[in-house]
């Protein structure tokens, strides 16, 4: 199972990039490059989703479950 979380990335004036999510309140990830920022953002999002599940909290609207069929 994989969860899809919308993430927005913007450049920072001082260099690097910042990732936020309009659906995960307080979600922040920062990196030197877009690729590094995305990698960090995926790890942070995974930890946040795991926390929701662990505490039996409902996932925020906008977070969707993506199921892949094995062929």
PDB file of N, CA and C in Angstrom:
ATOM      1  N   UNK A   1       0.833  -1.180   0.000  1.00  0.00           N
ATOM      2  CA  UNK A   1       0.000   0.000   0.000  1.00  0.00           C
ATOM      3  C   UNK A   1       0.877   1.242   0.000  1.00  0.00           C
ATOM      4  N   UNK A   2       0.377   2.238  -0.651  1.00  0.00           N
ATOM      5  CA  UNK A   2       1.095   3.488  -0.733  1.00  0.00           C
ATOM      6  C   UNK A   2       0.086   4.617  -0.580  1.00  0.00           C
ATOM      7  N   UNK A   3       0.461   5.626   0.177  1.00  0.00           N
ATOM      8  CA  UNK A   3      -0.404   6.783   0.365  1.00  0.00           C
ATOM      9  C   UNK A   3       0.111   7.932  -0.489  1.00  0.00           C
ATOM     10  N   UNK A   4      -0.815   8.651  -1.102  1.00  0.00           N
ATOM     11  CA  UNK A   4      -0.458   9.807  -1.909  1.00  0.00           C
ATOM     12  C   UNK A   4      -0.768  11.067  -1.110  1.00  0.00           C
ATOM     13  N   UNK A   5       0.247  11.890  -0.946  1.00  0.00           N
ATOM     14  CA  UNK A   5       0.121  13.127  -0.185  1.00  0.00           C
ATOM     15  C   UNK A   5       0.540  14.277  -1.091  1.00  0.00           C
ATOM     16  N   UNK A   6      -0.327  15.270  -1.288  1.00  0.00           N
ATOM     17  CA  UNK A   6       0.085  16.406  -2.105  1.00  0.00           C
ATOM     18  C   UNK A   6       1.187  17.209  -1.408  1.00  0.00           C
ATOM     19  N   UNK A   7       2.230  17.519  -2.154  1.00  0.00           N
ATOM     20  CA  UNK A   7       3.379  18.259  -1.611  1.00  0.00           C
ATOM     21  C   UNK A   7       3.696  19.408  -2.562  1.00  0.00           C
ATOM     22  N   UNK A   8       3.967  20.561  -1.972  1.00  0.00           N
ATOM     23  CA  UNK A   8       4.361  21.736  -2.756  1.00  0.00           C
ATOM     24  C   UNK A   8       5.805  22.083  -2.408  1.00  0.00           C
ATOM     25  N   UNK A   9       6.626  22.367  -3.429  1.00  0.00           N
ATOM     26  CA  UNK A   9       8.028  22.714  -3.207  1.00  0.00           C
ATOM     27  C   UNK A   9       8.281  24.118  -3.747  1.00  0.00           C
ATOM     28  N   UNK A  10       8.958  24.915  -2.931  1.00  0.00           N
ATOM     29  CA  UNK A  10       9.288  26.276  -3.356  1.00  0.00           C
ATOM     30  C   UNK A  10      10.740  26.580  -3.027  1.00  0.00           C
ATOM     31  N   UNK A  11      11.377  27.400  -3.857  1.00  0.00           N
ATOM     32  CA  UNK A  11      12.762  27.785  -3.582  1.00  0.00           C
ATOM     33  C   UNK A  11      12.810  28.768  -2.408  1.00  0.00           C
ATOM     34  N   UNK A  12      13.877  28.703  -1.650  1.00  0.00           N
ATOM     35  CA  UNK A  12      14.089  29.623  -0.535  1.00  0.00           C
ATOM     36  C   UNK A  12      15.045  30.726  -0.960  1.00  0.00           C
ATOM     37  N   UNK A  13      14.828  31.937  -0.457  1.00  0.00           N
ATOM     38  CA  UNK A  13      15.687  33.074  -0.805  1.00  0.00           C
ATOM     39  C   UNK A  13      17.145  32.812  -0.457  1.00  0.00           C
ATOM     40  N   UNK A  14      17.372  32.125   0.669  1.00  0.00           N
ATOM     41  CA  UNK A  14      18.737  31.863   1.124  1.00  0.00           C
ATOM     42  C   UNK A  14      19.366  30.626   0.474  1.00  0.00           C
ATOM     43  N   UNK A  15      18.636  30.013  -0.439  1.00  0.00           N
ATOM     44  CA  UNK A  15      19.115  28.812  -1.125  1.00  0.00           C
ATOM     45  C   UNK A  15      18.406  27.587  -0.611  1.00  0.00           C
ATOM     46  N   UNK A  16      18.352  26.578  -1.419  1.00  0.00           N
ATOM     47  CA  UNK A  16      17.663  25.356  -1.051  1.00  0.00           C
ATOM     48  C   UNK A  16      16.181  25.448  -1.360  1.00  0.00           C
ATOM     49  N   UNK A  17      15.455  24.439  -0.888  1.00  0.00           N
ATOM     50  CA  UNK A  17      14.036  24.317  -1.195  1.00  0.00           C
ATOM     51  C   UNK A  17      13.271  23.883   0.043  1.00  0.00           C
ATOM     52  N   UNK A  18      11.998  24.274   0.092  1.00  0.00           N
ATOM     53  CA  UNK A  18      11.117  23.928   1.202  1.00  0.00           C
ATOM     54  C   UNK A  18       9.901  23.203   0.656  1.00  0.00           C
ATOM     55  N   UNK A  19       9.577  22.070   1.269  1.00  0.00           N
ATOM     56  CA  UNK A  19       8.380  21.314   0.894  1.00  0.00           C
ATOM     57  C   UNK A  19       7.347  21.439   2.002  1.00  0.00           C
ATOM     58  N   UNK A  20       6.109  21.708   1.600  1.00  0.00           N
ATOM     59  CA  UNK A  20       4.988  21.752   2.531  1.00  0.00           C
ATOM     60  C   UNK A  20       3.848  20.942   1.925  1.00  0.00           C
ATOM     61  N   UNK A  21       2.839  20.683   2.731  1.00  0.00           N
ATOM     62  CA  UNK A  21       1.675  19.970   2.233  1.00  0.00           C
ATOM     63  C   UNK A  21       0.419  20.712   2.670  1.00  0.00           C
ATOM     64  N   UNK A  22      -0.496  20.952   1.736  1.00  0.00           N
ATOM     65  CA  UNK A  22      -1.733  21.634   2.101  1.00  0.00           C
ATOM     66  C   UNK A  22      -2.674  20.764   2.940  1.00  0.00           C
ATOM     67  N   UNK A  23      -2.400  19.465   3.027  1.00  0.00           N
ATOM     68  CA  UNK A  23      -3.304  18.578   3.774  1.00  0.00           C
ATOM     69  C   UNK A  23      -2.718  18.059   5.085  1.00  0.00           C
ATOM     70  N   UNK A  24      -1.396  18.111   5.259  1.00  0.00           N
ATOM     71  CA  UNK A  24      -0.770  17.662   6.515  1.00  0.00           C
ATOM     72  C   UNK A  24      -0.279  18.890   7.267  1.00  0.00           C
ATOM     73  N   UNK A  25      -1.053  19.315   8.240  1.00  0.00           N
ATOM     74  CA  UNK A  25      -0.722  20.518   8.993  1.00  0.00           C
ATOM     75  C   UNK A  25       0.636  20.375   9.669  1.00  0.00           C
ATOM     76  N   UNK A  26       1.478  21.388   9.515  1.00  0.00           N
ATOM     77  CA  UNK A  26       2.791  21.386  10.144  1.00  0.00           C
ATOM     78  C   UNK A  26       3.853  20.614   9.391  1.00  0.00           C
ATOM     79  N   UNK A  27       3.525  20.050   8.241  1.00  0.00           N
ATOM     80  CA  UNK A  27       4.474  19.271   7.446  1.00  0.00           C
ATOM     81  C   UNK A  27       5.487  20.200   6.803  1.00  0.00           C
ATOM     82  N   UNK A  28       6.766  19.961   7.083  1.00  0.00           N
ATOM     83  CA  UNK A  28       7.854  20.735   6.485  1.00  0.00           C
ATOM     84  C   UNK A  28       9.027  19.819   6.189  1.00  0.00           C
ATOM     85  N   UNK A  29       9.666  20.036   5.066  1.00  0.00           N
ATOM     86  CA  UNK A  29      10.900  19.325   4.733  1.00  0.00           C
ATOM     87  C   UNK A  29      11.763  20.300   3.936  1.00  0.00           C
ATOM     88  N   UNK A  30      13.050  20.310   4.215  1.00  0.00           N
ATOM     89  CA  UNK A  30      13.949  21.247   3.551  1.00  0.00           C
ATOM     90  C   UNK A  30      15.170  20.500   3.041  1.00  0.00           C
ATOM     91  N   UNK A  31      15.632  20.881   1.837  1.00  0.00           N
ATOM     92  CA  UNK A  31      16.813  20.270   1.258  1.00  0.00           C
ATOM     93  C   UNK A  31      17.569  21.248   0.384  1.00  0.00           C
ATOM     94  N   UNK A  32      18.757  20.824  -0.044  1.00  0.00           N
ATOM     95  CA  UNK A  32      19.595  21.681  -0.894  1.00  0.00           C
ATOM     96  C   UNK A  32      19.153  21.683  -2.344  1.00  0.00           C
ATOM     97  N   UNK A  33      18.608  20.548  -2.794  1.00  0.00           N
ATOM     98  CA  UNK A  33      18.130  20.425  -4.179  1.00  0.00           C
ATOM     99  C   UNK A  33      16.678  19.960  -4.150  1.00  0.00           C
ATOM    100  N   UNK A  34      16.003  20.054  -5.297  1.00  0.00           N
ATOM    101  CA  UNK A  34      14.621  19.567  -5.367  1.00  0.00           C
ATOM    102  C   UNK A  34      14.589  18.066  -5.084  1.00  0.00           C
ATOM    103  N   UNK A  35      15.531  17.327  -5.665  1.00  0.00           N
ATOM    104  CA  UNK A  35      15.560  15.871  -5.458  1.00  0.00           C
ATOM    105  C   UNK A  35      15.767  15.526  -3.983  1.00  0.00           C
ATOM    106  N   UNK A  36      16.701  16.209  -3.342  1.00  0.00           N
ATOM    107  CA  UNK A  36      16.946  15.949  -1.915  1.00  0.00           C
ATOM    108  C   UNK A  36      15.722  16.322  -1.082  1.00  0.00           C
ATOM    109  N   UNK A  37      15.089  17.433  -1.421  1.00  0.00           N
ATOM    110  CA  UNK A  37      13.895  17.872  -0.696  1.00  0.00           C
ATOM    111  C   UNK A  37      12.777  16.851  -0.839  1.00  0.00           C
ATOM    112  N   UNK A  38      12.584  16.319  -2.047  1.00  0.00           N
ATOM    113  CA  UNK A  38      11.549  15.291  -2.258  1.00  0.00           C
ATOM    114  C   UNK A  38      11.845  14.028  -1.461  1.00  0.00           C
ATOM    115  N   UNK A  39      13.102  13.632  -1.423  1.00  0.00           N
ATOM    116  CA  UNK A  39      13.478  12.438  -0.669  1.00  0.00           C
ATOM    117  C   UNK A  39      13.180  12.630   0.819  1.00  0.00           C
ATOM    118  N   UNK A  40      13.560  13.765   1.345  1.00  0.00           N
ATOM    119  CA  UNK A  40      13.299  14.064   2.762  1.00  0.00           C
ATOM    120  C   UNK A  40      11.798  14.164   3.003  1.00  0.00           C
ATOM    121  N   UNK A  41      11.073  14.810   2.087  1.00  0.00           N
ATOM    122  CA  UNK A  41       9.622  14.968   2.224  1.00  0.00           C
ATOM    123  C   UNK A  41       8.926  13.616   2.254  1.00  0.00           C
ATOM    124  N   UNK A  42       9.373  12.677   1.430  1.00  0.00           N
ATOM    125  CA  UNK A  42       8.770  11.338   1.435  1.00  0.00           C
ATOM    126  C   UNK A  42       8.962  10.658   2.788  1.00  0.00           C
ATOM    127  N   UNK A  43      10.150  10.781   3.357  1.00  0.00           N
ATOM    128  CA  UNK A  43      10.412  10.182   4.666  1.00  0.00           C
ATOM    129  C   UNK A  43       9.553  10.820   5.751  1.00  0.00           C
ATOM    130  N   UNK A  44       9.458  12.155   5.716  1.00  0.00           N
ATOM    131  CA  UNK A  44       8.650  12.860   6.717  1.00  0.00           C
ATOM    132  C   UNK A  44       7.177  12.478   6.567  1.00  0.00           C
ATOM    133  N   UNK A  45       6.666  12.464   5.346  1.00  0.00           N
ATOM    134  CA  UNK A  45       5.268  12.097   5.109  1.00  0.00           C
ATOM    135  C   UNK A  45       4.989  10.677   5.586  1.00  0.00           C
ATOM    136  N   UNK A  46       5.920   9.761   5.323  1.00  0.00           N
ATOM    137  CA  UNK A  46       5.753   8.380   5.758  1.00  0.00           C
ATOM    138  C   UNK A  46       5.625   8.306   7.283  1.00  0.00           C
ATOM    139  N   UNK A  47       6.489   9.038   7.986  1.00  0.00           N
ATOM    140  CA  UNK A  47       6.453   9.034   9.457  1.00  0.00           C
ATOM    141  C   UNK A  47       5.142   9.640   9.981  1.00  0.00           C
ATOM    142  N   UNK A  48       4.679  10.713   9.345  1.00  0.00           N
ATOM    143  CA  UNK A  48       3.428  11.342   9.781  1.00  0.00           C
ATOM    144  C   UNK A  48       2.252  10.391   9.576  1.00  0.00           C
ATOM    145  N   UNK A  49       2.177   9.759   8.410  1.00  0.00           N
ATOM    146  CA  UNK A  49       1.096   8.804   8.123  1.00  0.00           C
ATOM    147  C   UNK A  49       1.154   7.633   9.091  1.00  0.00           C
ATOM    148  N   UNK A  50       2.347   7.109   9.353  1.00  0.00           N
ATOM    149  CA  UNK A  50       2.498   6.003  10.310  1.00  0.00           C
ATOM    150  C   UNK A  50       1.994   6.405  11.693  1.00  0.00           C
ATOM    151  N   UNK A  51       2.232   7.650  12.087  1.00  0.00           N
ATOM    152  CA  UNK A  51       1.759   8.135  13.383  1.00  0.00           C
ATOM    153  C   UNK A  51       0.230   8.190  13.422  1.00  0.00           C
ATOM    154  N   UNK A  52      -0.383   8.682  12.347  1.00  0.00           N
ATOM    155  CA  UNK A  52      -1.847   8.695  12.278  1.00  0.00           C
ATOM    156  C   UNK A  52      -2.396   7.280  12.455  1.00  0.00           C
ATOM    157  N   UNK A  53      -1.824   6.332  11.716  1.00  0.00           N
ATOM    158  CA  UNK A  53      -2.305   4.953  11.756  1.00  0.00           C
ATOM    159  C   UNK A  53      -2.069   4.340  13.143  1.00  0.00           C
ATOM    160  N   UNK A  54      -0.887   4.555  13.700  1.00  0.00           N
ATOM    161  CA  UNK A  54      -0.534   4.000  15.005  1.00  0.00           C
ATOM    162  C   UNK A  54      -1.482   4.487  16.102  1.00  0.00           C
ATOM    163  N   UNK A  55      -1.922   5.730  15.997  1.00  0.00           N
ATOM    164  CA  UNK A  55      -2.803   6.304  17.017  1.00  0.00           C
ATOM    165  C   UNK A  55      -4.289   6.194  16.650  1.00  0.00           C
ATOM    166  N   UNK A  56      -4.583   5.432  15.595  1.00  0.00           N
ATOM    167  CA  UNK A  56      -5.964   5.242  15.127  1.00  0.00           C
ATOM    168  C   UNK A  56      -6.670   6.555  14.816  1.00  0.00           C
ATOM    169  N   UNK A  57      -5.917   7.543  14.349  1.00  0.00           N
ATOM    170  CA  UNK A  57      -6.492   8.816  13.943  1.00  0.00           C
ATOM    171  C   UNK A  57      -6.887   8.728  12.475  1.00  0.00           C
ATOM    172  N   UNK A  58      -7.981   9.371  12.094  1.00  0.00           N
ATOM    173  CA  UNK A  58      -8.347   9.359  10.673  1.00  0.00           C
ATOM    174  C   UNK A  58      -7.338  10.174   9.868  1.00  0.00           C
ATOM    175  N   UNK A  59      -7.057   9.705   8.671  1.00  0.00           N
ATOM    176  CA  UNK A  59      -6.144  10.435   7.797  1.00  0.00           C
ATOM    177  C   UNK A  59      -6.818  11.717   7.324  1.00  0.00           C
ATOM    178  N   UNK A  60      -6.049  12.785   7.168  1.00  0.00           N
ATOM    179  CA  UNK A  60      -6.636  14.043   6.696  1.00  0.00           C
ATOM    180  C   UNK A  60      -7.227  13.884   5.301  1.00  0.00           C
ATOM    181  N   UNK A  61      -8.264  14.684   5.017  1.00  0.00           N
ATOM    182  CA  UNK A  61      -8.823  14.698   3.664  1.00  0.00           C
ATOM    183  C   UNK A  61      -7.729  15.149   2.713  1.00  0.00           C
ATOM    184  N   UNK A  62      -7.638  14.504   1.592  1.00  0.00           N
ATOM    185  CA  UNK A  62      -6.607  14.835   0.616  1.00  0.00           C
ATOM    186  C   UNK A  62      -5.482  13.817   0.590  1.00  0.00           C
ATOM    187  N   UNK A  63      -5.389  12.980   1.634  1.00  0.00           N
ATOM    188  CA  UNK A  63      -4.429  11.873   1.657  1.00  0.00           C
ATOM    189  C   UNK A  63      -5.171  10.664   1.122  1.00  0.00           C
ATOM    190  N   UNK A  64      -4.688  10.082   0.052  1.00  0.00           N
ATOM    191  CA  UNK A  64      -5.386   8.959  -0.552  1.00  0.00           C
ATOM    192  C   UNK A  64      -4.538   7.700  -0.529  1.00  0.00           C
ATOM    193  N   UNK A  65      -5.225   6.578  -0.455  1.00  0.00           N
ATOM    194  CA  UNK A  65      -4.578   5.274  -0.464  1.00  0.00           C
ATOM    195  C   UNK A  65      -4.509   4.791  -1.894  1.00  0.00           C
ATOM    196  N   UNK A  66      -3.320   4.423  -2.324  1.00  0.00           N
ATOM    197  CA  UNK A  66      -3.116   3.933  -3.679  1.00  0.00           C
ATOM    198  C   UNK A  66      -2.718   2.465  -3.573  1.00  0.00           C
ATOM    199  N   UNK A  67      -3.562   1.595  -4.097  1.00  0.00           N
ATOM    200  CA  UNK A  67      -3.253   0.171  -4.065  1.00  0.00           C
ATOM    201  C   UNK A  67      -2.815  -0.265  -5.456  1.00  0.00           C
ATOM    202  N   UNK A  68      -1.752  -1.011  -5.481  1.00  0.00           N
ATOM    203  CA  UNK A  68      -1.216  -1.506  -6.751  1.00  0.00           C
ATOM    204  C   UNK A  68      -1.525  -2.984  -6.887  1.00  0.00           C
ATOM    205  N   UNK A  69      -1.952  -3.369  -8.069  1.00  0.00           N
ATOM    206  CA  UNK A  69      -2.214  -4.782  -8.339  1.00  0.00           C
ATOM    207  C   UNK A  69      -0.918  -5.445  -8.764  1.00  0.00           C
ATOM    208  N   UNK A  70      -0.666  -6.610  -8.217  1.00  0.00           N
ATOM    209  CA  UNK A  70       0.495  -7.386  -8.643  1.00  0.00           C
ATOM    210  C   UNK A  70       0.105  -8.240  -9.831  1.00  0.00           C
ATOM    211  N   UNK A  71       0.906  -8.196 -10.859  1.00  0.00           N
ATOM    212  CA  UNK A  71       0.611  -8.966 -12.063  1.00  0.00           C
ATOM    213  C   UNK A  71       1.462 -10.210 -12.108  1.00  0.00           C
TER     214      UNK A  71
END
